[in-house]
Amino acid sequence: MKHTIVTQDQVKVPGSTLPLYTDGKSLAAFRPIVEHFGLDYSGQLQKLKSKSWAVMENFSTTGSDGKTYSMVGINRRTLGMWLATLDENRVREELRAELIAYQSEAADALDKFFHEGAAINPRATEHQLNAAIFQARAQMELCQSAKGLIHPDHLEARARVVLARGLGEHAELDAKRRPLYTQDFLRGKNLTRAKMKSVAGVFGKRVKAAYIELHGREPEMYPLDMQNGQVREVRAYTEEDRPLMERVWLDHYGDQHLPLGG
């Protein structure tokens, strides 16, 4: 899909500020960023195409010579991941220290996000902090209005995470009441992507049947935020249900039934 760019802004990368083009979507031109670091564009483009998290689109822009050029653009999320995974020893020497500092801060942010529930940029502006507070307030109101619609353990866990994120603290959750999704359980079984895809649907149905047999009712549904921004209704389980999932796994997908890994 090609986009004709109508406005231009700036995007910061270690060592420079480069154009960020937008036509409703913000796209950073990939070639100038790659060349800024002294890397091979073709090699980096091929490498990026192999990444599931990468979002790339072609767009057209007018150069200083008045001609129209087609360029590959990446969104902000892709740019951040790409920068965090660059080999520091292959970039231009004068940019190395700044890239190392960027990657160290990115590692800290990811650690806090996944293990403490939130990461706050120490350079965040007052406007950004106020926006985060407003978002947290709106999410808490949604949690309040969802009572009776969502599994109470999931609702409490979500509310605690939202509250802790707004306070810049770690969310304290009862271990047994932490949300547990069948997909996350299966990821812990070291399945290949192909095996995960072939097993997930039937495994979920078997876990649901085992849950009904044990509790006499269906597991409730829970709205799960997907990486692509969509929301999908999934069965609501907690860590307390892990033994049940393990039993289903051993009964139907033990080592003798399904080779792991590979």
Protein backbone atom coordinates (compact mmCIF):
# COMPACT_ATOMS: atom_id res chain seq x y z
CA MET A 1 0.00 0.00 0.00
CA LYS A 2 1.38 3.41 -0.95
CA HIS A 3 0.74 6.65 0.91
CA THR A 4 1.26 10.15 -0.40
CA ILE A 5 2.77 12.20 2.39
CA VAL A 6 1.16 15.53 3.18
CA THR A 7 3.07 16.75 6.26
CA GLN A 8 6.50 16.20 7.78
CA ASP A 9 7.71 16.14 11.40
CA GLN A 10 10.81 14.88 13.21
CA VAL A 11 11.78 11.62 14.92
CA LYS A 12 14.72 11.25 17.31
CA VAL A 13 17.27 8.46 16.95
CA PRO A 14 20.58 8.17 18.81
CA GLY A 15 22.88 10.83 17.41
CA SER A 16 20.40 12.75 15.25
CA THR A 17 16.90 13.96 14.46
CA LEU A 18 15.45 12.70 11.17
CA PRO A 19 12.24 13.32 9.19
CA LEU A 20 9.05 11.60 10.31
CA TYR A 21 6.45 11.63 7.54
CA THR A 22 2.74 11.37 8.19
CA ASP A 23 -0.57 11.17 6.32
CA GLY A 24 -2.58 10.08 9.32
CA LYS A 25 -0.01 7.36 9.99
CA SER A 26 3.45 8.27 11.28
CA LEU A 27 6.15 6.61 9.18
CA ALA A 28 9.89 7.12 9.53
CA ALA A 29 11.82 6.63 6.27
CA PHE A 30 13.93 3.54 6.91
CA ARG A 31 16.86 4.11 4.50
CA PRO A 32 18.08 7.43 6.01
CA ILE A 33 18.02 5.90 9.51
CA VAL A 34 19.99 2.83 8.41
CA GLU A 35 22.55 4.99 6.58
CA HIS A 36 22.77 7.30 9.60
CA PHE A 37 24.19 4.36 11.57
CA GLY A 38 26.53 3.37 8.73
CA LEU A 39 24.77 0.05 8.09
CA ASP A 40 23.89 -1.77 4.86
CA TYR A 41 20.34 -0.85 3.86
CA SER A 42 19.53 -3.98 1.84
CA GLY A 43 20.74 -6.27 4.62
CA GLN A 44 18.80 -4.42 7.33
CA LEU A 45 15.65 -4.32 5.18
CA GLN A 46 15.74 -8.09 4.61
CA LYS A 47 16.38 -8.65 8.31
CA LEU A 48 13.42 -6.44 9.26
CA LYS A 49 11.12 -8.24 6.81
CA SER A 50 11.71 -11.46 8.75
CA LYS A 51 10.50 -9.97 12.05
CA SER A 52 6.89 -10.60 13.08
CA TRP A 53 6.79 -7.34 15.07
CA ALA A 54 7.89 -5.16 12.14
CA VAL A 55 5.37 -2.90 10.35
CA MET A 56 6.54 -1.51 7.00
CA GLU A 57 4.72 0.42 4.30
CA ASN A 58 5.71 2.17 1.08
CA PHE A 59 5.01 5.87 0.75
CA SER A 60 5.71 8.59 -1.81
CA THR A 61 7.37 11.90 -1.03
CA THR A 62 8.77 14.81 -3.01
CA GLY A 63 12.52 15.39 -2.87
CA SER A 64 14.36 18.72 -2.90
CA ASP A 65 14.74 18.29 -6.69
CA GLY A 66 10.96 18.29 -7.12
CA LYS A 67 10.82 14.62 -8.11
CA THR A 68 8.58 12.03 -6.44
CA TYR A 69 10.31 9.15 -4.68
CA SER A 70 8.96 5.90 -3.23
CA MET A 71 10.38 5.01 0.18
CA VAL A 72 9.97 2.25 2.77
CA GLY A 73 8.61 3.58 6.05
CA ILE A 74 8.40 2.00 9.49
CA ASN A 75 6.13 3.01 12.34
CA ARG A 76 7.35 4.22 15.74
CA ARG A 77 6.90 0.82 17.41
CA THR A 78 9.03 -0.89 14.77
CA LEU A 79 11.68 1.80 14.96
CA GLY A 80 12.02 1.37 18.73
CA MET A 81 12.38 -2.42 18.46
CA TRP A 82 14.87 -2.14 15.60
CA LEU A 83 17.03 0.34 17.52
CA ALA A 84 16.94 -1.88 20.61
CA THR A 85 18.18 -4.89 18.65
CA LEU A 86 21.02 -3.25 16.67
CA ASP A 87 24.53 -4.67 17.09
CA GLU A 88 26.40 -1.88 18.85
CA ASN A 89 29.70 -3.08 17.38
CA ARG A 90 28.54 -2.58 13.79
CA VAL A 91 27.31 1.02 13.93
CA ARG A 92 29.44 4.10 13.34
CA GLU A 93 31.91 4.50 16.18
CA GLU A 94 30.83 8.04 17.06
CA LEU A 95 27.25 6.83 17.61
CA ARG A 96 28.13 3.72 19.61
CA ALA A 97 28.03 5.23 23.12
CA GLU A 98 24.67 6.90 22.54
CA LEU A 99 23.16 3.71 21.08
CA ILE A 100 24.43 1.69 24.06
CA ALA A 101 22.80 4.19 26.44
CA TYR A 102 19.54 3.98 24.46
CA GLN A 103 19.51 0.17 24.53
CA SER A 104 20.29 0.10 28.25
CA GLU A 105 17.35 2.39 28.97
CA ALA A 106 15.12 0.31 26.67
CA ALA A 107 16.09 -2.83 28.59
CA ASP A 108 15.22 -1.11 31.90
CA ALA A 109 11.85 0.01 30.51
CA LEU A 110 10.96 -3.48 29.26
CA ASP A 111 11.97 -5.02 32.59
CA LYS A 112 9.76 -2.61 34.54
CA PHE A 113 6.85 -3.04 32.10
CA PHE A 114 6.81 -6.84 32.21
CA HIS A 115 7.81 -7.41 35.84
CA GLU A 116 6.50 -4.34 37.68
CA GLY A 117 3.45 -3.55 35.56
CA ALA A 118 4.56 -0.15 34.28
CA ALA A 119 7.49 1.94 33.10
CA ILE A 120 7.60 5.74 33.44
CA ASN A 121 9.97 7.81 31.33
CA PRO A 122 11.90 10.14 33.66
CA ARG A 123 11.86 12.75 30.87
CA ALA A 124 8.08 12.60 30.41
CA THR A 125 6.49 16.03 30.05
CA GLU A 126 3.70 17.29 32.28
CA HIS A 127 1.31 16.88 29.33
CA GLN A 128 2.34 13.23 28.87
CA LEU A 129 1.98 12.48 32.59
CA ASN A 130 -1.46 14.12 32.70
CA ALA A 131 -2.51 12.06 29.66
CA ALA A 132 -1.36 8.87 31.43
CA ILE A 133 -3.33 9.81 34.56
CA PHE A 134 -6.44 10.54 32.48
CA GLN A 135 -6.10 7.17 30.73
CA ALA A 136 -5.71 5.34 34.06
CA ARG A 137 -8.81 7.09 35.44
CA ALA A 138 -10.82 6.10 32.37
CA GLN A 139 -9.64 2.48 32.67
CA MET A 140 -10.62 2.37 36.35
CA GLU A 141 -14.08 3.65 35.46
CA LEU A 142 -14.38 0.91 32.84
CA CYS A 143 -13.36 -1.68 35.44
CA GLN A 144 -16.07 -0.36 37.76
CA SER A 145 -18.73 -0.56 35.02
CA ALA A 146 -17.65 -4.10 34.05
CA LYS A 147 -18.67 -5.66 37.38
CA GLY A 148 -20.89 -8.63 36.72
CA LEU A 149 -19.70 -8.90 33.11
CA ILE A 150 -16.10 -10.04 33.60
CA HIS A 151 -14.66 -12.77 35.82
CA PRO A 152 -14.12 -11.02 39.21
CA ASP A 153 -10.54 -12.30 39.58
CA HIS A 154 -9.60 -10.89 36.18
CA LEU A 155 -11.39 -7.63 36.93
CA GLU A 156 -9.56 -7.20 40.24
CA ALA A 157 -6.21 -8.02 38.63
CA ARG A 158 -6.80 -5.47 35.86
CA ALA A 159 -7.86 -2.79 38.38
CA ARG A 160 -4.78 -3.41 40.54
CA VAL A 161 -2.46 -3.16 37.51
CA VAL A 162 -4.11 0.09 36.35
CA LEU A 163 -3.89 1.59 39.83
CA ALA A 164 -0.25 0.56 40.32
CA ARG A 165 0.68 1.89 36.88
CA GLY A 166 -0.81 5.28 37.74
CA LEU A 167 1.15 5.36 41.01
CA GLY A 168 4.38 4.15 39.40
CA GLU A 169 4.38 1.08 41.63
CA HIS A 170 4.38 -2.70 41.22
CA ALA A 171 0.94 -4.33 41.21
CA GLU A 172 0.46 -6.74 44.13
CA LEU A 173 -1.64 -9.67 42.93
CA ASP A 174 -2.68 -12.86 44.68
CA ALA A 175 -0.63 -15.51 42.86
CA LYS A 176 -3.59 -17.89 42.52
CA ARG A 177 -5.82 -15.16 41.08
CA ARG A 178 -3.45 -13.99 38.35
CA PRO A 179 -5.06 -14.32 34.90
CA LEU A 180 -3.86 -17.38 32.96
CA TYR A 181 -4.66 -17.85 29.28
CA THR A 182 -4.41 -21.17 27.45
CA GLN A 183 -2.09 -19.55 24.90
CA ASP A 184 0.34 -18.49 27.66
CA PHE A 185 0.18 -21.99 29.17
CA LEU A 186 1.05 -23.55 25.81
CA ARG A 187 3.95 -21.14 25.27
CA GLY A 188 5.53 -22.64 28.35
CA LYS A 189 5.57 -26.03 26.57
CA ASN A 190 8.25 -24.92 24.09
CA LEU A 191 6.10 -25.59 21.02
CA THR A 192 7.08 -24.41 17.58
CA ARG A 193 4.80 -21.82 16.00
CA ALA A 194 3.29 -24.44 13.67
CA LYS A 195 2.60 -26.87 16.54
CA MET A 196 1.14 -24.09 18.67
CA LYS A 197 -1.26 -23.20 15.86
CA SER A 198 -2.35 -26.82 15.36
CA VAL A 199 -2.83 -27.52 19.09
CA ALA A 200 -4.28 -24.28 20.52
CA GLY A 201 -7.90 -24.56 19.34
CA VAL A 202 -8.53 -28.14 20.42
CA PHE A 203 -6.57 -27.68 23.65
CA GLY A 204 -8.78 -24.72 24.57
CA LYS A 205 -11.93 -26.75 23.97
CA ARG A 206 -10.61 -29.62 26.10
CA VAL A 207 -9.69 -27.28 28.95
CA LYS A 208 -13.17 -25.75 28.79
CA ALA A 209 -14.77 -29.23 28.97
CA ALA A 210 -12.56 -30.20 31.92
CA TYR A 211 -13.46 -26.94 33.69
CA ILE A 212 -17.19 -27.59 33.22
CA GLU A 213 -16.80 -31.15 34.52
CA LEU A 214 -14.98 -29.86 37.61
CA HIS A 215 -17.08 -26.76 38.41
CA GLY A 216 -20.42 -27.53 36.81
CA ARG A 217 -20.42 -24.31 34.79
CA GLU A 218 -18.64 -22.75 31.83
CA PRO A 219 -15.58 -20.53 32.43
CA GLU A 220 -16.48 -16.87 32.02
CA MET A 221 -15.31 -14.74 29.11
CA TYR A 222 -12.73 -11.96 29.31
CA PRO A 223 -11.85 -9.22 26.77
CA LEU A 224 -8.15 -9.65 25.90
CA ASP A 225 -6.18 -6.79 24.28
CA MET A 226 -4.28 -8.17 21.27
CA GLN A 227 -0.91 -6.85 20.01
CA ASN A 228 -2.57 -5.57 16.83
CA GLY A 229 -4.87 -3.32 18.87
CA GLN A 230 -7.94 -5.54 18.52
CA VAL A 231 -9.89 -6.99 21.45
CA ARG A 232 -10.82 -10.68 21.47
CA GLU A 233 -13.12 -12.50 23.89
CA VAL A 234 -11.26 -15.41 25.54
CA ARG A 235 -12.01 -17.86 28.36
CA ALA A 236 -11.13 -16.46 31.78
CA TYR A 237 -8.86 -18.76 33.78
CA THR A 238 -6.49 -18.03 36.65
CA GLU A 239 -3.31 -19.58 38.03
CA GLU A 240 -5.57 -21.66 40.24
CA ASP A 241 -6.62 -23.48 37.05
CA ARG A 242 -3.05 -24.36 36.02
CA PRO A 243 -3.24 -27.91 37.52
CA LEU A 244 -6.36 -28.51 35.43
CA MET A 245 -4.55 -27.38 32.27
CA GLU A 246 -1.57 -29.57 33.18
CA ARG A 247 -3.88 -32.57 33.54
CA VAL A 248 -5.45 -31.92 30.12
CA TRP A 249 -1.97 -31.52 28.63
CA LEU A 250 -0.69 -34.79 30.09
CA ASP A 251 -3.85 -36.68 29.12
CA HIS A 252 -3.80 -35.57 25.47
CA TYR A 253 -0.46 -33.97 24.59
CA GLY A 254 2.18 -35.67 26.69
CA ASP A 255 5.59 -36.48 25.24
CA GLN A 256 4.30 -39.71 23.80
CA HIS A 257 1.56 -37.85 21.87
CA LEU A 258 3.27 -34.69 20.63
CA PRO A 259 7.02 -34.05 20.21
CA LEU A 260 8.03 -30.69 21.64
CA GLY A 261 10.40 -28.03 20.36
CA GLY A 262 12.10 -28.21 16.99
